[in-house]
Amino acid sequence: MRTSLPRGWVICRAFVSKVQSIIVSGAPASYAGSNVSRWQATLIACALIFNTPTQSQTEEQEILDFLPAIMSGFKKLPRPLDFSVARPSIPTGTTYEIELSRWDIPSNGSQPIKTTDQLQAAINWASEQGANKIVIPNGHFLIGKYGNAIYQAGISLPSNIELILSSNTLLEMATNDKWNYCIISVTGKSNVIIRGGTIKGDRDTHVFTPRASDGATAHDEGHAICLQSGTNKVLVEGTRIHSVTGDGLLLVTDITDVTIRENEIFNNRRQGVSIVGGQRIAITNNEIHHIRGTSPQFGVDIEGAGRLDRDILIKRNRFHHNRGGDIVNTSGKNVFILENTLHQGTAGFDNRYIDGPLVTWERTDNVIAHNTITMLDRSVNGLLGFIQYSGNRDNNPSVTYVHDNVCNGCGMYMYDAGDVDIQRNQLRGYFLALANVQNATVNNNHVTYGPPGTPRYCWNYRIRESTGVARGNTLEGQPFDLPLSTTPWTSECLRR
């Protein structure tokens, strides 16, 4: 039962709620600008006041839930987040640093079966003794043992545990020929933290033996961290995750309340992060790069394949050099893609996209706002920094909001859909296109030509058989009329 809140906290929360309501509704620029310093100072003071040992975890989390939107430069969202991702709540206990000599654990990158068995025994014992923080000391730990004919087993974690990898700790999957593996797995557990160190796959040495059933050699299910089968309340933080044959992190089947933040995820063959059935997922402040090898090759892929994917936040991540693309949403509902940097990457390392930086499919539900997207050359979709695919079957379940994004050397295209809201985007060097879209809102977007010597397209706003409203759009800083109405309209090609 919660006790009554201190008066100062009530005042602080009321203040933050007021600011949030202004951001969501959209205050006049002069009002926001004149009050930024005062608001920020008050917010910082509130955070300091309540960052005390006596503050309850619930109260602290409530403050933190408000702060990101407030302190990010007062960038309003077209639709506010209506969910929060619960963090792990681990019971108070002791910290145990695994004693390598006591458990006879090799730390020199040898004897993977023995290393796996003994690390698992130490983790299980420590958890049974009431340790809630388990530290793996510095060392090179080679992981992997027989699971079944197609699976190489790693370490499994219990509930109510924080696994800390020391700064110079490396968990590496031993060379194997299996289709699947999980270096760390969490199956049907709650309240788990994985923090620090490095987790590495066997990509460079993997043996791609043909599968007995069909002779296939994709071997695309080798993962660093597997969260599966009803697992909930997990935090993965500050870890380098790389060189697996599949995904850096796989979330599959009824996963809830997962936070993935401040990690570097790179050089994986299939994906950075795959969400295959998850709800209330936050992917924030990560660097995800050089994903390439076997399709789809995206930084983040939401692809439930009939499972529920909902309430997903992808925010302030840096994506680059990802072969397929950076973010693709094939199935997610209530997905927020905010303040990310999506960059094709400098030349010289197979930096060309296949699909493009940002792709959404029909029947998904997205808010795409305040992202910076840069393309240097074409994908199979041309210079489209954002494309919304459609199977020509039905519309998305909610309005697709595309607000305040910057596209460098690229444009946007949505087709065979309805209820799209496109506002205040900057498209530098390509076009904004709609085809067979009903009830579109296209306001205050700004298209400019590319640098001298780059192609100029006859369609800067390319509209075909679409309806809606359009106001305040410009081309090269000059007003550009898009006469959208209830009658379908098609723009003509204007050579300039």
Protein backbone atom coordinates (compact mmCIF):
# COMPACT_ATOMS: atom_id res chain seq x y z
CA MET A 1 0.00 0.00 0.00
CA ARG A 2 1.49 3.33 -1.07
CA THR A 3 1.84 6.14 1.40
CA SER A 4 0.73 9.66 0.50
CA LEU A 5 3.17 11.55 -1.71
CA PRO A 6 5.19 14.50 -0.39
CA ARG A 7 3.76 17.90 -1.30
CA GLY A 8 6.86 18.79 -3.35
CA TRP A 9 6.43 15.67 -5.45
CA VAL A 10 2.77 16.52 -6.07
CA ILE A 11 3.76 20.00 -7.24
CA CYS A 12 6.54 18.62 -9.43
CA ARG A 13 4.27 16.03 -11.01
CA ALA A 14 1.56 18.62 -11.65
CA PHE A 15 4.14 20.87 -13.29
CA VAL A 16 5.49 18.10 -15.52
CA SER A 17 1.94 17.08 -16.47
CA LYS A 18 1.22 20.66 -17.48
CA VAL A 19 4.32 20.86 -19.67
CA GLN A 20 3.54 17.50 -21.23
CA SER A 21 0.01 18.62 -22.09
CA ILE A 22 1.43 21.72 -23.77
CA ILE A 23 3.89 19.64 -25.78
CA VAL A 24 1.23 17.19 -26.90
CA SER A 25 -1.30 19.87 -27.85
CA GLY A 26 1.26 22.23 -29.38
CA ALA A 27 1.91 25.57 -27.71
CA PRO A 28 2.76 28.68 -29.72
CA ALA A 29 6.44 28.74 -30.50
CA SER A 30 6.93 32.02 -28.65
CA TYR A 31 5.39 30.59 -25.49
CA ALA A 32 7.55 27.45 -25.59
CA GLY A 33 10.70 29.36 -26.46
CA SER A 34 10.33 31.92 -23.71
CA ASN A 35 9.83 29.27 -21.08
CA VAL A 36 12.37 26.58 -22.06
CA SER A 37 15.07 27.64 -19.61
CA ARG A 38 12.66 28.02 -16.70
CA TRP A 39 10.96 24.71 -17.42
CA GLN A 40 14.24 22.84 -17.78
CA ALA A 41 15.63 24.32 -14.57
CA THR A 42 12.49 23.37 -12.66
CA LEU A 43 12.52 19.87 -14.06
CA ILE A 44 16.15 19.35 -13.12
CA ALA A 45 15.40 20.61 -9.64
CA CYS A 46 12.49 18.20 -9.37
CA ALA A 47 14.72 15.32 -10.45
CA LEU A 48 17.34 16.25 -7.88
CA ILE A 49 14.82 16.70 -5.08
CA PHE A 50 13.39 13.25 -5.56
CA ASN A 51 16.62 11.43 -6.34
CA THR A 52 17.04 10.50 -2.69
CA PRO A 53 17.54 7.17 -0.92
CA THR A 54 14.09 7.43 0.65
CA GLN A 55 12.28 7.85 -2.63
CA SER A 56 10.28 4.80 -3.62
CA GLN A 57 11.08 3.02 -6.87
CA THR A 58 7.53 3.66 -8.08
CA GLU A 59 7.82 7.41 -7.53
CA GLU A 60 11.24 7.57 -9.17
CA GLN A 61 10.01 5.69 -12.21
CA GLU A 62 7.03 8.01 -12.55
CA ILE A 63 9.38 10.99 -12.74
CA LEU A 64 11.64 9.24 -15.25
CA ASP A 65 8.67 8.33 -17.43
CA PHE A 66 7.94 12.03 -17.89
CA LEU A 67 11.46 13.38 -18.31
CA PRO A 68 12.47 12.06 -21.77
CA ALA A 69 9.71 13.89 -23.63
CA ILE A 70 10.26 17.05 -21.60
CA MET A 71 14.05 17.28 -21.81
CA SER A 72 14.38 16.39 -25.50
CA GLY A 73 13.90 19.96 -26.72
CA PHE A 74 10.12 20.19 -26.30
CA LYS A 75 9.40 18.23 -29.45
CA LYS A 76 5.73 17.55 -29.54
CA LEU A 77 4.41 14.22 -30.74
CA PRO A 78 1.29 13.89 -32.88
CA ARG A 79 0.07 11.18 -30.53
CA PRO A 80 1.40 10.80 -26.98
CA LEU A 81 2.85 7.56 -25.71
CA ASP A 82 0.08 5.75 -23.85
CA PHE A 83 2.24 3.00 -22.38
CA SER A 84 5.33 2.65 -20.20
CA VAL A 85 7.76 -0.23 -20.13
CA ALA A 86 8.11 -1.77 -16.67
CA ARG A 87 11.69 -2.27 -15.50
CA PRO A 88 12.89 -5.37 -13.65
CA SER A 89 12.18 -5.34 -9.93
CA ILE A 90 14.76 -7.60 -8.34
CA PRO A 91 14.48 -8.49 -4.64
CA THR A 92 17.19 -7.24 -2.32
CA GLY A 93 19.95 -9.79 -1.90
CA THR A 94 23.69 -10.17 -2.06
CA THR A 95 26.27 -9.77 -4.79
CA TYR A 96 28.32 -12.82 -5.76
CA GLU A 97 31.37 -12.65 -8.01
CA ILE A 98 31.89 -16.08 -9.47
CA GLU A 99 35.03 -17.66 -8.06
CA LEU A 100 36.72 -19.17 -11.07
CA SER A 101 39.08 -21.40 -9.14
CA ARG A 102 36.35 -22.72 -6.83
CA TRP A 103 34.17 -23.69 -9.78
CA ASP A 104 37.10 -24.71 -11.99
CA ILE A 105 35.97 -22.44 -14.83
CA PRO A 106 38.40 -21.87 -17.70
CA SER A 107 38.81 -18.16 -18.51
CA ASN A 108 41.26 -18.41 -21.40
CA GLY A 109 38.83 -19.16 -24.24
CA SER A 110 39.08 -22.94 -24.06
CA GLN A 111 36.99 -26.00 -23.13
CA PRO A 112 33.51 -24.71 -24.05
CA ILE A 113 31.54 -27.64 -22.64
CA LYS A 114 33.25 -27.45 -19.27
CA THR A 115 33.00 -23.63 -19.25
CA THR A 116 29.28 -23.72 -20.04
CA ASP A 117 28.49 -26.39 -17.45
CA GLN A 118 30.49 -24.75 -14.67
CA LEU A 119 29.27 -21.22 -15.31
CA GLN A 120 25.72 -22.55 -15.28
CA ALA A 121 26.34 -24.40 -12.01
CA ALA A 122 27.80 -21.27 -10.40
CA ILE A 123 24.89 -19.09 -11.52
CA ASN A 124 22.31 -21.61 -10.31
CA TRP A 125 24.02 -22.03 -6.95
CA ALA A 126 24.37 -18.29 -6.38
CA SER A 127 20.71 -17.70 -7.21
CA GLU A 128 19.62 -20.48 -4.86
CA GLN A 129 21.73 -18.89 -2.11
CA GLY A 130 19.87 -15.60 -2.49
CA ALA A 131 22.36 -13.64 -4.59
CA ASN A 132 20.54 -11.20 -6.83
CA LYS A 133 23.67 -9.78 -8.51
CA ILE A 134 26.04 -12.26 -10.09
CA VAL A 135 29.29 -10.98 -11.55
CA ILE A 136 31.33 -12.83 -14.14
CA PRO A 137 34.90 -11.58 -13.68
CA ASN A 138 37.23 -10.52 -16.47
CA GLY A 139 38.19 -13.32 -18.80
CA HIS A 140 37.48 -15.03 -22.11
CA PHE A 141 34.73 -17.62 -21.64
CA LEU A 142 34.05 -19.97 -24.55
CA ILE A 143 30.41 -21.12 -24.48
CA GLY A 144 28.54 -23.92 -26.20
CA LYS A 145 27.44 -27.53 -25.72
CA TYR A 146 25.14 -30.00 -27.42
CA GLY A 147 21.47 -29.08 -27.15
CA ASN A 148 19.94 -31.15 -29.92
CA ALA A 149 20.54 -31.95 -33.57
CA ILE A 150 20.08 -28.33 -34.68
CA TYR A 151 20.65 -26.36 -31.46
CA GLN A 152 23.85 -25.46 -29.61
CA ALA A 153 23.10 -24.57 -25.99
CA GLY A 154 24.58 -21.72 -23.96
CA ILE A 155 23.76 -20.30 -20.52
CA SER A 156 20.20 -20.03 -19.16
CA LEU A 157 19.28 -17.42 -16.57
CA PRO A 158 16.74 -17.79 -13.74
CA SER A 159 14.30 -15.13 -12.55
CA ASN A 160 15.23 -12.30 -10.19
CA ILE A 161 18.83 -11.93 -11.23
CA GLU A 162 21.20 -9.26 -12.50
CA LEU A 163 24.02 -10.79 -14.51
CA ILE A 164 26.96 -8.39 -14.68
CA LEU A 165 29.74 -8.97 -17.20
CA SER A 166 32.89 -7.19 -16.10
CA SER A 167 34.42 -4.63 -18.44
CA ASN A 168 36.90 -7.12 -19.91
CA THR A 169 34.59 -10.13 -19.86
CA LEU A 170 33.95 -11.88 -23.17
CA LEU A 171 31.32 -14.61 -23.59
CA GLU A 172 31.95 -16.20 -26.97
CA MET A 173 30.05 -18.97 -28.71
CA ALA A 174 32.41 -21.76 -29.72
CA THR A 175 32.62 -22.76 -33.37
CA ASN A 176 29.75 -25.10 -34.24
CA ASP A 177 27.66 -26.30 -37.17
CA LYS A 178 24.19 -25.83 -35.69
CA TRP A 179 21.31 -23.89 -37.24
CA ASN A 180 20.32 -22.39 -33.85
CA TYR A 181 22.04 -21.21 -30.71
CA CYS A 182 21.54 -18.84 -27.79
CA ILE A 183 24.64 -17.69 -25.94
CA ILE A 184 22.37 -16.44 -23.14
CA SER A 185 18.73 -17.52 -22.95
CA VAL A 186 15.90 -16.40 -20.71
CA THR A 187 12.85 -18.63 -21.08
CA GLY A 188 9.62 -17.95 -19.21
CA LYS A 189 11.39 -15.93 -16.51
CA SER A 190 10.82 -12.52 -14.89
CA ASN A 191 12.96 -9.69 -13.57
CA VAL A 192 16.27 -10.19 -15.34
CA ILE A 193 19.08 -7.72 -16.05
CA ILE A 194 22.04 -8.39 -18.37
CA ARG A 195 24.65 -5.66 -18.17
CA GLY A 196 28.14 -4.91 -19.44
CA GLY A 197 30.91 -6.85 -21.13
CA THR A 198 30.91 -8.39 -24.60
CA ILE A 199 28.89 -11.22 -26.12
CA LYS A 200 30.27 -12.59 -29.38
CA GLY A 201 29.06 -15.23 -31.82
CA ASP A 202 30.97 -17.66 -33.99
CA ARG A 203 30.19 -15.96 -37.28
CA ASP A 204 33.81 -15.90 -38.44
CA THR A 205 34.36 -19.63 -37.90
CA HIS A 206 30.86 -21.14 -38.12
CA VAL A 207 30.51 -24.36 -40.13
CA PHE A 208 27.49 -24.09 -42.44
CA THR A 209 26.65 -27.77 -42.67
CA PRO A 210 23.58 -28.50 -44.86
CA ARG A 211 20.44 -29.22 -42.84
CA ALA A 212 19.41 -32.85 -43.05
CA SER A 213 15.74 -32.06 -43.72
CA ASP A 214 16.21 -29.88 -46.79
CA GLY A 215 19.91 -29.24 -47.42
CA ALA A 216 19.60 -25.54 -46.53
CA THR A 217 22.62 -23.75 -45.08
CA ALA A 218 21.20 -20.38 -43.93
CA HIS A 219 21.91 -21.13 -40.26
CA ASP A 220 20.24 -17.79 -39.41
CA GLU A 221 19.04 -18.57 -35.86
CA GLY A 222 22.27 -18.19 -33.94
CA HIS A 223 21.61 -15.44 -31.38
CA ALA A 224 23.51 -13.67 -28.63
CA ILE A 225 20.52 -13.18 -26.29
CA CYS A 226 17.20 -15.05 -26.60
CA LEU A 227 14.16 -13.84 -24.65
CA GLN A 228 11.37 -16.32 -25.19
CA SER A 229 8.13 -17.97 -24.10
CA GLY A 230 6.46 -15.45 -21.83
CA THR A 231 9.57 -13.82 -20.39
CA ASN A 232 8.87 -10.40 -18.86
CA LYS A 233 10.64 -7.44 -17.22
CA VAL A 234 14.10 -7.63 -18.76
CA LEU A 235 16.80 -4.97 -19.14
CA VAL A 236 19.80 -5.40 -21.45
CA GLU A 237 22.19 -2.50 -20.99
CA GLY A 238 25.70 -1.40 -21.86
CA THR A 239 26.76 -4.58 -23.67
CA ARG A 240 28.69 -5.10 -26.91
CA ILE A 241 26.85 -7.75 -28.92
CA HIS A 242 28.27 -8.90 -32.21
CA SER A 243 29.24 -11.50 -34.80
CA VAL A 244 26.39 -13.98 -34.42
CA THR A 245 24.98 -15.99 -37.29
CA GLY A 246 21.46 -14.67 -36.61
CA ASP A 247 20.28 -11.80 -34.37
CA GLY A 248 21.93 -9.85 -31.61
CA LEU A 249 18.71 -10.11 -29.60
CA LEU A 250 15.68 -12.27 -30.41
CA LEU A 251 12.39 -11.60 -28.59
CA VAL A 252 9.92 -14.33 -29.43
CA THR A 253 6.47 -15.40 -28.23
CA ASP A 254 4.60 -13.28 -25.66
CA ILE A 255 7.52 -11.21 -24.41
CA THR A 256 6.56 -8.18 -22.30
CA ASP A 257 8.32 -5.21 -20.74
CA VAL A 258 11.80 -5.34 -22.24
CA THR A 259 14.25 -2.45 -22.31
CA ILE A 260 17.29 -2.59 -24.62
CA ARG A 261 19.44 0.49 -24.13
CA GLU A 262 22.94 1.85 -24.57
CA ASN A 263 24.31 -1.24 -26.29
CA GLU A 264 26.48 -1.59 -29.37
CA ILE A 265 25.03 -4.26 -31.66
CA PHE A 266 26.94 -5.01 -34.85
CA ASN A 267 28.29 -7.45 -37.45
CA ASN A 268 25.41 -9.91 -37.14
CA ARG A 269 24.30 -11.85 -40.19
CA ARG A 270 20.52 -11.47 -39.91
CA GLN A 271 19.38 -8.66 -37.57
CA GLY A 272 20.37 -6.37 -34.77
CA VAL A 273 17.12 -6.89 -32.82
CA SER A 274 14.16 -9.07 -33.88
CA ILE A 275 10.78 -8.69 -32.20
CA VAL A 276 8.69 -11.77 -32.98
CA GLY A 277 5.87 -11.42 -30.51
CA GLY A 278 6.40 -8.68 -27.92
CA GLN A 279 4.51 -5.99 -26.04
CA ARG A 280 5.88 -2.92 -24.27
CA ILE A 281 9.38 -2.93 -25.73
CA ALA A 282 11.79 0.02 -25.52
CA ILE A 283 14.89 0.14 -27.75
CA THR A 284 16.75 3.33 -26.88
CA ASN A 285 20.17 4.94 -27.25
CA ASN A 286 21.83 1.99 -28.97
CA GLU A 287 24.30 1.96 -31.85
CA ILE A 288 23.25 -0.72 -34.35
CA HIS A 289 25.45 -1.14 -37.39
CA HIS A 290 27.00 -3.40 -40.03
CA ILE A 291 24.17 -5.93 -40.04
CA ARG A 292 24.59 -8.01 -43.19
CA GLY A 293 24.87 -11.59 -44.38
CA THR A 294 21.42 -13.17 -44.73
CA SER A 295 17.97 -11.61 -45.14
CA PRO A 296 16.36 -9.43 -43.89
CA GLN A 297 19.52 -7.68 -42.55
CA PHE A 298 17.82 -4.85 -40.63
CA GLY A 299 18.86 -3.05 -37.49
CA VAL A 300 15.44 -3.61 -35.88
CA ASP A 301 12.81 -5.92 -37.38
CA ILE A 302 9.27 -6.15 -35.98
CA GLU A 303 7.88 -9.29 -37.55
CA GLY A 304 5.40 -11.19 -35.42
CA ALA A 305 4.33 -13.78 -38.00
CA GLY A 306 0.88 -13.94 -36.42
CA ARG A 307 1.99 -13.09 -32.88
CA LEU A 308 1.11 -9.84 -31.10
CA ASP A 309 3.60 -6.98 -31.47
CA ARG A 310 2.38 -3.85 -29.74
CA ASP A 311 3.50 -0.77 -27.77
CA ILE A 312 7.05 -0.48 -29.06
CA LEU A 313 9.36 2.52 -28.67
CA ILE A 314 12.45 2.87 -30.90
CA LYS A 315 14.13 6.10 -29.84
CA ARG A 316 17.45 7.92 -30.15
CA ASN A 317 19.32 5.04 -31.72
CA ARG A 318 22.13 5.44 -34.22
CA PHE A 319 21.86 3.14 -37.24
CA HIS A 320 24.43 2.84 -40.00
CA HIS A 321 25.86 0.37 -42.55
CA ASN A 322 22.91 -2.03 -42.30
CA ARG A 323 22.50 -3.96 -45.54
CA GLY A 324 18.75 -4.52 -45.66
CA GLY A 325 17.78 -1.33 -43.88
CA ASP A 326 17.59 0.17 -40.43
CA ILE A 327 14.02 -0.28 -39.17
CA VAL A 328 11.23 -2.40 -40.64
CA ASN A 329 7.78 -2.86 -39.11
CA THR A 330 5.78 -5.64 -40.72
CA SER A 331 3.28 -6.31 -37.91
CA GLY A 332 3.59 -3.86 -35.01
CA LYS A 333 0.78 -1.74 -33.60
CA ASN A 334 1.27 1.48 -31.64
CA VAL A 335 4.92 1.73 -32.68
CA PHE A 336 6.82 4.96 -32.00
CA ILE A 337 9.96 5.61 -34.09
CA LEU A 338 11.43 8.79 -32.66
CA GLU A 339 14.64 10.84 -32.82
CA ASN A 340 16.75 8.16 -34.49
CA THR A 341 19.65 8.73 -36.87
CA LEU A 342 19.45 6.42 -39.89
CA HIS A 343 22.50 6.71 -42.14
CA GLN A 344 23.48 4.62 -45.11
CA GLY A 345 27.06 4.78 -43.88
CA THR A 346 30.28 5.87 -45.48
CA ALA A 347 31.38 4.11 -48.62
CA GLY A 348 33.93 1.34 -48.62
CA PHE A 349 32.14 -1.29 -46.57
CA ASP A 350 29.22 -2.50 -48.69
CA ASN A 351 27.12 0.37 -47.42
CA ARG A 352 24.32 0.19 -49.98
CA TYR A 353 20.79 -0.51 -48.70
CA ILE A 354 18.63 -3.23 -50.23
CA ASP A 355 15.18 -2.04 -49.06
CA GLY A 356 16.02 1.34 -47.57
CA PRO A 357 16.37 2.96 -44.15
CA LEU A 358 12.78 2.87 -42.87
CA VAL A 359 10.05 0.51 -44.09
CA THR A 360 6.55 -0.11 -42.75
CA TRP A 361 3.99 -2.55 -44.05
CA GLU A 362 0.24 -2.37 -44.34
CA ARG A 363 -1.87 -2.96 -41.25
CA THR A 364 0.82 -1.52 -38.99
CA ASP A 365 0.33 1.49 -36.73
CA ASN A 366 3.18 4.01 -36.54
CA VAL A 367 4.25 7.41 -35.26
CA ILE A 368 7.43 8.40 -37.14
CA ALA A 369 8.78 11.69 -35.84
CA HIS A 370 11.97 13.73 -35.44
CA ASN A 371 14.23 11.24 -37.24
CA THR A 372 17.19 12.15 -39.46
CA ILE A 373 17.59 9.90 -42.50
CA THR A 374 20.52 10.04 -44.92
CA MET A 375 20.96 8.16 -48.20
CA LEU A 376 23.99 8.31 -50.47
CA ASP A 377 22.73 6.11 -53.31
CA ARG A 378 19.71 4.09 -54.34
CA SER A 379 18.11 0.99 -52.88
CA VAL A 380 15.68 -1.21 -54.79
CA ASN A 381 13.13 1.45 -53.80
CA GLY A 382 15.17 4.31 -55.20
CA LEU A 383 16.10 7.18 -52.91
CA LEU A 384 13.23 6.59 -50.49
CA GLY A 385 14.22 7.17 -46.89
CA PHE A 386 10.75 6.05 -45.80
CA ILE A 387 8.41 3.80 -47.71
CA GLN A 388 5.09 2.38 -46.56
CA TYR A 389 4.38 -0.86 -48.42
CA SER A 390 0.85 -1.98 -49.16
CA GLY A 391 -0.54 -5.31 -50.27
CA ASN A 392 -3.58 -3.52 -51.72
CA ARG A 393 -5.84 -5.34 -49.27
CA ASP A 394 -6.85 -2.88 -46.57
CA ASN A 395 -5.73 0.24 -44.76
CA ASN A 396 -3.71 0.62 -41.61
CA PRO A 397 -5.61 0.32 -38.31
CA SER A 398 -4.84 3.91 -37.28
CA VAL A 399 -3.51 7.14 -38.69
CA THR A 400 0.11 6.92 -39.84
CA TYR A 401 1.86 10.02 -38.49
CA VAL A 402 5.02 11.20 -40.23
CA HIS A 403 6.12 14.45 -38.57
CA ASP A 404 9.25 16.61 -38.35
CA ASN A 405 11.66 14.23 -40.07
CA VAL A 406 14.70 15.28 -42.11
CA CYS A 407 15.59 13.29 -45.24
CA ASN A 408 19.02 14.06 -46.65
CA GLY A 409 19.29 12.96 -50.27
CA CYS A 410 16.04 11.00 -50.01
CA GLY A 411 12.26 11.19 -49.94
CA MET A 412 9.09 9.44 -48.80
CA TYR A 413 6.42 7.32 -50.49
CA MET A 414 3.11 5.93 -49.22
CA TYR A 415 0.61 4.12 -51.42
CA ASP A 416 -2.70 2.22 -51.46
CA ALA A 417 -3.63 3.39 -47.96
CA GLY A 418 -5.69 5.89 -46.02
CA ASP A 419 -5.42 8.27 -43.09
CA VAL A 420 -1.83 9.44 -43.37
CA ASP A 421 -0.71 12.61 -41.62
CA ILE A 422 2.49 14.10 -43.06
CA GLN A 423 3.67 17.37 -41.55
CA ARG A 424 6.77 19.57 -41.23
CA ASN A 425 9.16 17.17 -42.92
CA GLN A 426 12.24 18.35 -44.82
CA LEU A 427 13.08 16.43 -47.99
CA ARG A 428 16.41 17.42 -49.45
CA GLY A 429 17.05 16.24 -52.97
CA TYR A 430 14.09 13.92 -53.67
CA PHE A 431 10.28 13.92 -53.57
CA LEU A 432 7.26 13.31 -51.38
CA ALA A 433 4.95 10.82 -53.10
CA LEU A 434 1.44 9.53 -52.46
CA ALA A 435 -0.44 7.07 -54.68
CA ASN A 436 -4.03 6.02 -54.15
CA VAL A 437 -4.14 7.42 -50.63
CA GLN A 438 -7.42 8.54 -49.11
CA ASN A 439 -7.81 11.22 -46.44
CA ALA A 440 -4.22 12.45 -46.44
CA THR A 441 -3.05 15.46 -44.45
CA VAL A 442 0.00 17.06 -46.09
CA ASN A 443 0.97 20.27 -44.30
CA ASN A 444 4.06 22.47 -44.00
CA ASN A 445 6.50 20.11 -45.68
CA HIS A 446 9.56 21.54 -47.39
CA VAL A 447 11.22 20.05 -50.45
CA THR A 448 14.54 21.35 -51.78
CA TYR A 449 16.67 20.34 -54.73
CA GLY A 450 19.90 18.50 -54.17
CA PRO A 451 23.33 20.06 -54.47
CA PRO A 452 24.40 21.43 -57.87
CA GLY A 453 24.99 18.66 -60.37
CA THR A 454 22.53 16.23 -58.78
CA PRO A 455 19.34 15.21 -60.65
CA ARG A 456 16.25 17.41 -60.47
CA TYR A 457 13.01 15.48 -60.65
CA CYS A 458 9.87 16.68 -62.41
CA TRP A 459 7.84 15.48 -59.44
CA ASN A 460 8.86 17.11 -56.20
CA TYR A 461 5.45 16.36 -54.76
CA ARG A 462 4.29 13.31 -56.66
CA ILE A 463 0.59 12.70 -56.07
CA ARG A 464 -1.58 10.15 -57.86
CA GLU A 465 -5.31 9.62 -57.35
CA SER A 466 -5.22 10.78 -53.73
CA THR A 467 -7.59 12.80 -51.56
CA GLY A 468 -7.20 14.95 -48.46
CA VAL A 469 -5.98 18.40 -47.48
CA ALA A 470 -2.67 20.19 -48.05
CA ARG A 471 -1.46 23.53 -46.72
CA GLY A 472 1.76 25.44 -46.30
CA ASN A 473 4.03 23.19 -48.38
CA THR A 474 7.05 24.69 -50.16
CA LEU A 475 9.53 23.91 -52.92
CA GLU A 476 12.90 25.65 -52.67
CA GLY A 477 11.39 27.95 -50.05
CA GLN A 478 8.49 29.06 -52.26
CA PRO A 479 4.84 28.09 -51.68
CA PHE A 480 3.80 25.00 -53.62
CA ASP A 481 0.11 24.28 -54.05
CA LEU A 482 -1.20 20.73 -53.71
CA PRO A 483 -4.94 20.97 -54.46
CA LEU A 484 -5.99 17.91 -52.50
CA SER A 485 -9.70 17.67 -51.76
CA THR A 486 -12.45 15.09 -51.55
CA THR A 487 -11.94 14.53 -55.28
CA PRO A 488 -8.97 12.35 -56.22
CA TRP A 489 -6.15 14.42 -57.71
CA THR A 490 -3.03 13.62 -59.68
CA SER A 491 -0.09 16.02 -60.01
CA GLU A 492 1.49 16.70 -63.38
CA CYS A 493 5.17 16.29 -64.07
CA LEU A 494 6.74 19.74 -64.01
CA ARG A 495 10.16 19.99 -65.64
CA ARG A 496 12.32 22.70 -64.05
